[in-house]
Amino acid sequence: MRKRSRKQEPEINQIAVRIVKDSTGEPDLSNEDARKALAQALGRLGGLKGGKARAAKMTDAERRESASIAARARWAKKNR
């Protein structure tokens, strides 16, 4: 005789974790789209401050060299 299947009820600990996450506003990372969106937001934050932090650490000569390389790359794209 086949066993009857029935829906498993969520464990009390799982319910408690979900309640805490909802109350603290912590994002639910079980969804892949939510994880991707969070990773994109974190990457953008790092990207926004990256260039300024790098430029602050460079000397004037290093900054000038970096700018000339970037300018050459931009002009090379326009001529294609």
PDB file of N, CA and C in Angstrom:
ATOM      1  N   MET A   1       0.829  -1.173   0.000  1.00  0.00           N
ATOM      2  CA  MET A   1       0.000   0.000   0.000  1.00  0.00           C
ATOM      3  C   MET A   1       0.887   1.254   0.000  1.00  0.00           C
ATOM      4  N   ARG A   2       0.528   2.200  -0.828  1.00  0.00           N
ATOM      5  CA  ARG A   2       1.284   3.434  -0.930  1.00  0.00           C
ATOM      6  C   ARG A   2       1.072   4.333   0.273  1.00  0.00           C
ATOM      7  N   LYS A   3       2.136   5.015   0.659  1.00  0.00           N
ATOM      8  CA  LYS A   3       1.996   5.957   1.762  1.00  0.00           C
ATOM      9  C   LYS A   3       1.312   7.212   1.251  1.00  0.00           C
ATOM     10  N   ARG A   4       0.530   7.778   2.069  1.00  0.00           N
ATOM     11  CA  ARG A   4      -0.116   9.036   1.704  1.00  0.00           C
ATOM     12  C   ARG A   4       0.872  10.176   1.896  1.00  0.00           C
ATOM     13  N   SER A   5       0.910  11.016   0.910  1.00  0.00           N
ATOM     14  CA  SER A   5       1.796  12.166   1.050  1.00  0.00           C
ATOM     15  C   SER A   5       1.011  13.322   1.653  1.00  0.00           C
ATOM     16  N   ARG A   6       1.675  14.040   2.472  1.00  0.00           N
ATOM     17  CA  ARG A   6       1.045  15.223   3.036  1.00  0.00           C
ATOM     18  C   ARG A   6       2.090  16.319   3.123  1.00  0.00           C
ATOM     19  N   LYS A   7       1.616  17.518   3.131  1.00  0.00           N
ATOM     20  CA  LYS A   7       2.508  18.656   3.199  1.00  0.00           C
ATOM     21  C   LYS A   7       3.230  18.656   4.534  1.00  0.00           C
ATOM     22  N   GLN A   8       4.544  18.861   4.463  1.00  0.00           N
ATOM     23  CA  GLN A   8       5.283  18.988   5.701  1.00  0.00           C
ATOM     24  C   GLN A   8       5.126  20.402   6.222  1.00  0.00           C
ATOM     25  N   GLU A   9       4.874  20.488   7.495  1.00  0.00           N
ATOM     26  CA  GLU A   9       4.759  21.799   8.109  1.00  0.00           C
ATOM     27  C   GLU A   9       6.171  22.321   8.388  1.00  0.00           C
ATOM     28  N   PRO A  10       6.384  23.629   8.223  1.00  0.00           N
ATOM     29  CA  PRO A  10       7.718  24.162   8.479  1.00  0.00           C
ATOM     30  C   PRO A  10       8.101  23.991   9.954  1.00  0.00           C
ATOM     31  N   GLU A  11       9.381  23.757  10.160  1.00  0.00           N
ATOM     32  CA  GLU A  11       9.888  23.570  11.508  1.00  0.00           C
ATOM     33  C   GLU A  11       9.805  24.888  12.276  1.00  0.00           C
ATOM     34  N   ILE A  12       9.632  24.798  13.579  1.00  0.00           N
ATOM     35  CA  ILE A  12       9.461  25.991  14.411  1.00  0.00           C
ATOM     36  C   ILE A  12      10.688  26.907  14.323  1.00  0.00           C
ATOM     37  N   ASN A  13      11.884  26.319  14.195  1.00  0.00           N
ATOM     38  CA  ASN A  13      13.091  27.142  14.090  1.00  0.00           C
ATOM     39  C   ASN A  13      13.125  27.923  12.778  1.00  0.00           C
ATOM     40  N   GLN A  14      12.642  27.320  11.704  1.00  0.00           N
ATOM     41  CA  GLN A  14      12.596  28.013  10.420  1.00  0.00           C
ATOM     42  C   GLN A  14      11.627  29.185  10.486  1.00  0.00           C
ATOM     43  N   ILE A  15      10.503  28.967  11.162  1.00  0.00           N
ATOM     44  CA  ILE A  15       9.522  30.046  11.317  1.00  0.00           C
ATOM     45  C   ILE A  15      10.135  31.185  12.131  1.00  0.00           C
ATOM     46  N   ALA A  16      10.858  30.843  13.193  1.00  0.00           N
ATOM     47  CA  ALA A  16      11.470  31.861  14.042  1.00  0.00           C
ATOM     48  C   ALA A  16      12.508  32.678  13.257  1.00  0.00           C
ATOM     49  N   VAL A  17      13.314  32.005  12.454  1.00  0.00           N
ATOM     50  CA  VAL A  17      14.325  32.710  11.662  1.00  0.00           C
ATOM     51  C   VAL A  17      13.648  33.654  10.673  1.00  0.00           C
ATOM     52  N   ARG A  18      12.597  33.214  10.043  1.00  0.00           N
ATOM     53  CA  ARG A  18      11.884  34.061   9.078  1.00  0.00           C
ATOM     54  C   ARG A  18      11.294  35.293   9.768  1.00  0.00           C
ATOM     55  N   ILE A  19      10.749  35.115  10.968  1.00  0.00           N
ATOM     56  CA  ILE A  19      10.165  36.240  11.702  1.00  0.00           C
ATOM     57  C   ILE A  19      11.244  37.258  12.063  1.00  0.00           C
ATOM     58  N   VAL A  20      12.400  36.786  12.525  1.00  0.00           N
ATOM     59  CA  VAL A  20      13.489  37.696  12.892  1.00  0.00           C
ATOM     60  C   VAL A  20      13.985  38.454  11.663  1.00  0.00           C
ATOM     61  N   LYS A  21      14.154  37.756  10.541  1.00  0.00           N
ATOM     62  CA  LYS A  21      14.620  38.428   9.320  1.00  0.00           C
ATOM     63  C   LYS A  21      13.613  39.480   8.855  1.00  0.00           C
ATOM     64  N   ASP A  22      12.340  39.157   8.935  1.00  0.00           N
ATOM     65  CA  ASP A  22      11.314  40.118   8.520  1.00  0.00           C
ATOM     66  C   ASP A  22      11.308  41.340   9.426  1.00  0.00           C
ATOM     67  N   SER A  23      11.477  41.119  10.722  1.00  0.00           N
ATOM     68  CA  SER A  23      11.398  42.241  11.659  1.00  0.00           C
ATOM     69  C   SER A  23      12.644  43.127  11.600  1.00  0.00           C
ATOM     70  N   THR A  24      13.801  42.559  11.271  1.00  0.00           N
ATOM     71  CA  THR A  24      15.020  43.366  11.201  1.00  0.00           C
ATOM     72  C   THR A  24      15.244  43.970   9.822  1.00  0.00           C
ATOM     73  N   GLY A  25      14.459  43.551   8.854  1.00  0.00           N
ATOM     74  CA  GLY A  25      14.606  44.085   7.500  1.00  0.00           C
ATOM     75  C   GLY A  25      15.723  43.430   6.720  1.00  0.00           C
ATOM     76  N   GLU A  26      16.233  42.325   7.205  1.00  0.00           N
ATOM     77  CA  GLU A  26      17.291  41.604   6.510  1.00  0.00           C
ATOM     78  C   GLU A  26      16.724  40.982   5.238  1.00  0.00           C
ATOM     79  N   PRO A  27      17.410  41.136   4.105  1.00  0.00           N
ATOM     80  CA  PRO A  27      16.869  40.585   2.859  1.00  0.00           C
ATOM     81  C   PRO A  27      16.879  39.067   2.858  1.00  0.00           C
ATOM     82  N   ASP A  28      15.898  38.486   2.197  1.00  0.00           N
ATOM     83  CA  ASP A  28      15.803  37.037   2.074  1.00  0.00           C
ATOM     84  C   ASP A  28      16.692  36.606   0.914  1.00  0.00           C
ATOM     85  N   LEU A  29      17.785  35.925   1.222  1.00  0.00           N
ATOM     86  CA  LEU A  29      18.760  35.565   0.197  1.00  0.00           C
ATOM     87  C   LEU A  29      18.525  34.182  -0.376  1.00  0.00           C
ATOM     88  N   SER A  30      17.378  33.581  -0.091  1.00  0.00           N
ATOM     89  CA  SER A  30      17.097  32.279  -0.671  1.00  0.00           C
ATOM     90  C   SER A  30      16.713  32.422  -2.144  1.00  0.00           C
ATOM     91  N   ASN A  31      16.285  33.600  -2.542  1.00  0.00           N
ATOM     92  CA  ASN A  31      15.920  33.880  -3.923  1.00  0.00           C
ATOM     93  C   ASN A  31      17.163  34.328  -4.693  1.00  0.00           C
ATOM     94  N   GLU A  32      17.434  33.711  -5.826  1.00  0.00           N
ATOM     95  CA  GLU A  32      18.643  34.021  -6.601  1.00  0.00           C
ATOM     96  C   GLU A  32      18.627  35.455  -7.111  1.00  0.00           C
ATOM     97  N   ASP A  33      17.471  35.960  -7.510  1.00  0.00           N
ATOM     98  CA  ASP A  33      17.390  37.332  -8.003  1.00  0.00           C
ATOM     99  C   ASP A  33      17.741  38.329  -6.905  1.00  0.00           C
ATOM    100  N   ALA A  34      17.314  38.036  -5.679  1.00  0.00           N
ATOM    101  CA  ALA A  34      17.622  38.924  -4.555  1.00  0.00           C
ATOM    102  C   ALA A  34      19.122  38.937  -4.287  1.00  0.00           C
ATOM    103  N   ARG A  35      19.760  37.766  -4.393  1.00  0.00           N
ATOM    104  CA  ARG A  35      21.207  37.698  -4.179  1.00  0.00           C
ATOM    105  C   ARG A  35      21.945  38.491  -5.256  1.00  0.00           C
ATOM    106  N   LYS A  36      21.495  38.373  -6.498  1.00  0.00           N
ATOM    107  CA  LYS A  36      22.147  39.107  -7.586  1.00  0.00           C
ATOM    108  C   LYS A  36      21.997  40.613  -7.401  1.00  0.00           C
ATOM    109  N   ALA A  37      20.801  41.047  -7.016  1.00  0.00           N
ATOM    110  CA  ALA A  37      20.565  42.475  -6.821  1.00  0.00           C
ATOM    111  C   ALA A  37      21.426  43.026  -5.690  1.00  0.00           C
ATOM    112  N   LEU A  38      21.558  42.253  -4.621  1.00  0.00           N
ATOM    113  CA  LEU A  38      22.383  42.693  -3.497  1.00  0.00           C
ATOM    114  C   LEU A  38      23.853  42.764  -3.907  1.00  0.00           C
ATOM    115  N   ALA A  39      24.331  41.784  -4.662  1.00  0.00           N
ATOM    116  CA  ALA A  39      25.719  41.781  -5.118  1.00  0.00           C
ATOM    117  C   ALA A  39      25.984  42.958  -6.053  1.00  0.00           C
ATOM    118  N   GLN A  40      25.024  43.286  -6.908  1.00  0.00           N
ATOM    119  CA  GLN A  40      25.192  44.414  -7.819  1.00  0.00           C
ATOM    120  C   GLN A  40      25.261  45.723  -7.041  1.00  0.00           C
ATOM    121  N   ALA A  41      24.427  45.853  -6.018  1.00  0.00           N
ATOM    122  CA  ALA A  41      24.430  47.080  -5.212  1.00  0.00           C
ATOM    123  C   ALA A  41      25.757  47.231  -4.472  1.00  0.00           C
ATOM    124  N   LEU A  42      26.267  46.147  -3.907  1.00  0.00           N
ATOM    125  CA  LEU A  42      27.541  46.214  -3.200  1.00  0.00           C
ATOM    126  C   LEU A  42      28.688  46.524  -4.158  1.00  0.00           C
ATOM    127  N   GLY A  43      28.658  45.942  -5.340  1.00  0.00           N
ATOM    128  CA  GLY A  43      29.691  46.222  -6.329  1.00  0.00           C
ATOM    129  C   GLY A  43      29.668  47.663  -6.778  1.00  0.00           C
ATOM    130  N   ARG A  44      28.474  48.204  -6.907  1.00  0.00           N
ATOM    131  CA  ARG A  44      28.356  49.602  -7.320  1.00  0.00           C
ATOM    132  C   ARG A  44      28.915  50.536  -6.248  1.00  0.00           C
ATOM    133  N   LEU A  45      28.660  50.213  -4.975  1.00  0.00           N
ATOM    134  CA  LEU A  45      29.198  51.047  -3.907  1.00  0.00           C
ATOM    135  C   LEU A  45      30.722  51.074  -3.955  1.00  0.00           C
ATOM    136  N   GLY A  46      31.335  49.933  -4.160  1.00  0.00           N
ATOM    137  CA  GLY A  46      32.786  49.884  -4.249  1.00  0.00           C
ATOM    138  C   GLY A  46      33.293  50.604  -5.479  1.00  0.00           C
ATOM    139  N   GLY A  47      32.574  50.486  -6.579  1.00  0.00           N
ATOM    140  CA  GLY A  47      32.983  51.132  -7.813  1.00  0.00           C
ATOM    141  C   GLY A  47      32.903  52.641  -7.744  1.00  0.00           C
ATOM    142  N   LEU A  48      31.948  53.157  -7.000  1.00  0.00           N
ATOM    143  CA  LEU A  48      31.792  54.599  -6.903  1.00  0.00           C
ATOM    144  C   LEU A  48      32.940  55.251  -6.146  1.00  0.00           C
ATOM    145  N   LYS A  49      33.479  54.562  -5.152  1.00  0.00           N
ATOM    146  CA  LYS A  49      34.554  55.165  -4.379  1.00  0.00           C
ATOM    147  C   LYS A  49      35.939  54.729  -4.857  1.00  0.00           C
ATOM    148  N   GLY A  50      35.998  53.745  -5.745  1.00  0.00           N
ATOM    149  CA  GLY A  50      37.276  53.178  -6.148  1.00  0.00           C
ATOM    150  C   GLY A  50      38.203  54.149  -6.846  1.00  0.00           C
ATOM    151  N   GLY A  51      37.709  54.881  -7.830  1.00  0.00           N
ATOM    152  CA  GLY A  51      38.557  55.784  -8.592  1.00  0.00           C
ATOM    153  C   GLY A  51      39.079  56.939  -7.760  1.00  0.00           C
ATOM    154  N   LYS A  52      38.256  57.477  -6.900  1.00  0.00           N
ATOM    155  CA  LYS A  52      38.674  58.593  -6.054  1.00  0.00           C
ATOM    156  C   LYS A  52      39.731  58.141  -5.054  1.00  0.00           C
ATOM    157  N   ALA A  53      39.536  56.953  -4.486  1.00  0.00           N
ATOM    158  CA  ALA A  53      40.510  56.441  -3.518  1.00  0.00           C
ATOM    159  C   ALA A  53      41.835  56.145  -4.207  1.00  0.00           C
ATOM    160  N   ARG A  54      41.780  55.607  -5.406  1.00  0.00           N
ATOM    161  CA  ARG A  54      43.003  55.293  -6.155  1.00  0.00           C
ATOM    162  C   ARG A  54      43.745  56.579  -6.499  1.00  0.00           C
ATOM    163  N   ALA A  55      43.007  57.597  -6.949  1.00  0.00           N
ATOM    164  CA  ALA A  55      43.637  58.863  -7.327  1.00  0.00           C
ATOM    165  C   ALA A  55      44.252  59.560  -6.116  1.00  0.00           C
ATOM    166  N   ALA A  56      43.649  59.426  -4.962  1.00  0.00           N
ATOM    167  CA  ALA A  56      44.182  60.070  -3.760  1.00  0.00           C
ATOM    168  C   ALA A  56      45.520  59.463  -3.352  1.00  0.00           C
ATOM    169  N   LYS A  57      45.734  58.187  -3.662  1.00  0.00           N
ATOM    170  CA  LYS A  57      46.978  57.515  -3.284  1.00  0.00           C
ATOM    171  C   LYS A  57      48.106  57.763  -4.286  1.00  0.00           C
ATOM    172  N   MET A  58      47.773  58.227  -5.506  1.00  0.00           N
ATOM    173  CA  MET A  58      48.776  58.397  -6.557  1.00  0.00           C
ATOM    174  C   MET A  58      49.518  59.720  -6.401  1.00  0.00           C
ATOM    175  N   THR A  59      50.751  59.730  -6.900  1.00  0.00           N
ATOM    176  CA  THR A  59      51.490  60.991  -6.977  1.00  0.00           C
ATOM    177  C   THR A  59      51.018  61.729  -8.232  1.00  0.00           C
ATOM    178  N   ASP A  60      51.455  62.973  -8.372  1.00  0.00           N
ATOM    179  CA  ASP A  60      51.053  63.758  -9.547  1.00  0.00           C
ATOM    180  C   ASP A  60      51.518  63.100 -10.848  1.00  0.00           C
ATOM    181  N   ALA A  61      52.736  62.584 -10.848  1.00  0.00           N
ATOM    182  CA  ALA A  61      53.276  61.958 -12.052  1.00  0.00           C
ATOM    183  C   ALA A  61      52.485  60.694 -12.410  1.00  0.00           C
ATOM    184  N   GLU A  62      52.146  59.907 -11.401  1.00  0.00           N
ATOM    185  CA  GLU A  62      51.365  58.684 -11.653  1.00  0.00           C
ATOM    186  C   GLU A  62      49.979  59.026 -12.179  1.00  0.00           C
ATOM    187  N   ARG A  63      49.380  60.076 -11.608  1.00  0.00           N
ATOM    188  CA  ARG A  63      48.046  60.498 -12.060  1.00  0.00           C
ATOM    189  C   ARG A  63      48.102  60.985 -13.503  1.00  0.00           C
ATOM    190  N   ARG A  64      49.135  61.738 -13.841  1.00  0.00           N
ATOM    191  CA  ARG A  64      49.296  62.249 -15.202  1.00  0.00           C
ATOM    192  C   ARG A  64      49.470  61.096 -16.191  1.00  0.00           C
ATOM    193  N   GLU A  65      50.282  60.110 -15.832  1.00  0.00           N
ATOM    194  CA  GLU A  65      50.509  58.946 -16.693  1.00  0.00           C
ATOM    195  C   GLU A  65      49.212  58.166 -16.902  1.00  0.00           C
ATOM    196  N   SER A  66      48.461  57.948 -15.827  1.00  0.00           N
ATOM    197  CA  SER A  66      47.194  57.225 -15.921  1.00  0.00           C
ATOM    198  C   SER A  66      46.199  57.970 -16.805  1.00  0.00           C
ATOM    199  N   ALA A  67      46.168  59.289 -16.669  1.00  0.00           N
ATOM    200  CA  ALA A  67      45.248  60.094 -17.477  1.00  0.00           C
ATOM    201  C   ALA A  67      45.622  60.043 -18.953  1.00  0.00           C
ATOM    202  N   SER A  68      46.913  60.045 -19.247  1.00  0.00           N
ATOM    203  CA  SER A  68      47.307  60.016 -20.656  1.00  0.00           C
ATOM    204  C   SER A  68      46.990  58.655 -21.276  1.00  0.00           C
ATOM    205  N   ILE A  69      47.154  57.575 -20.515  1.00  0.00           N
ATOM    206  CA  ILE A  69      46.790  56.240 -21.018  1.00  0.00           C
ATOM    207  C   ILE A  69      45.292  56.175 -21.289  1.00  0.00           C
ATOM    208  N   ALA A  70      44.504  56.743 -20.378  1.00  0.00           N
ATOM    209  CA  ALA A  70      43.056  56.732 -20.556  1.00  0.00           C
ATOM    210  C   ALA A  70      42.645  57.561 -21.771  1.00  0.00           C
ATOM    211  N   ALA A  71      43.309  58.705 -21.962  1.00  0.00           N
ATOM    212  CA  ALA A  71      42.985  59.560 -23.108  1.00  0.00           C
ATOM    213  C   ALA A  71      43.324  58.848 -24.415  1.00  0.00           C
ATOM    214  N   ARG A  72      44.474  58.173 -24.449  1.00  0.00           N
ATOM    215  CA  ARG A  72      44.842  57.432 -25.660  1.00  0.00           C
ATOM    216  C   ARG A  72      43.822  56.327 -25.958  1.00  0.00           C
ATOM    217  N   ALA A  73      43.350  55.667 -24.924  1.00  0.00           N
ATOM    218  CA  ALA A  73      42.355  54.609 -25.111  1.00  0.00           C
ATOM    219  C   ALA A  73      41.046  55.200 -25.646  1.00  0.00           C
ATOM    220  N   ARG A  74      40.643  56.351 -25.124  1.00  0.00           N
ATOM    221  CA  ARG A  74      39.402  56.972 -25.606  1.00  0.00           C
ATOM    222  C   ARG A  74      39.526  57.396 -27.068  1.00  0.00           C
ATOM    223  N   TRP A  75      40.660  57.992 -27.445  1.00  0.00           N
ATOM    224  CA  TRP A  75      40.849  58.410 -28.822  1.00  0.00           C
ATOM    225  C   TRP A  75      40.945  57.219 -29.758  1.00  0.00           C
ATOM    226  N   ALA A  76      41.511  56.138 -29.296  1.00  0.00           N
ATOM    227  CA  ALA A  76      41.619  54.947 -30.133  1.00  0.00           C
ATOM    228  C   ALA A  76      40.227  54.370 -30.436  1.00  0.00           C
ATOM    229  N   LYS A  77      39.322  54.465 -29.488  1.00  0.00           N
ATOM    230  CA  LYS A  77      37.949  53.982 -29.709  1.00  0.00           C
ATOM    231  C   LYS A  77      37.216  54.835 -30.730  1.00  0.00           C
ATOM    232  N   LYS A  78      37.431  56.153 -30.695  1.00  0.00           N
ATOM    233  CA  LYS A  78      36.722  57.049 -31.603  1.00  0.00           C
ATOM    234  C   LYS A  78      37.129  56.859 -33.050  1.00  0.00           C
ATOM    235  N   ASN A  79      38.387  56.509 -33.290  1.00  0.00           N
ATOM    236  CA  ASN A  79      38.910  56.375 -34.649  1.00  0.00           C
ATOM    237  C   ASN A  79      38.536  55.055 -35.302  1.00  0.00           C
ATOM    238  N   ARG A  80      38.018  54.121 -34.575  1.00  0.00           N
ATOM    239  CA  ARG A  80      37.672  52.805 -35.162  1.00  0.00           C
ATOM    240  C   ARG A  80      36.477  52.861 -36.036  1.00  0.00           C
TER     241      ARG A  80
END
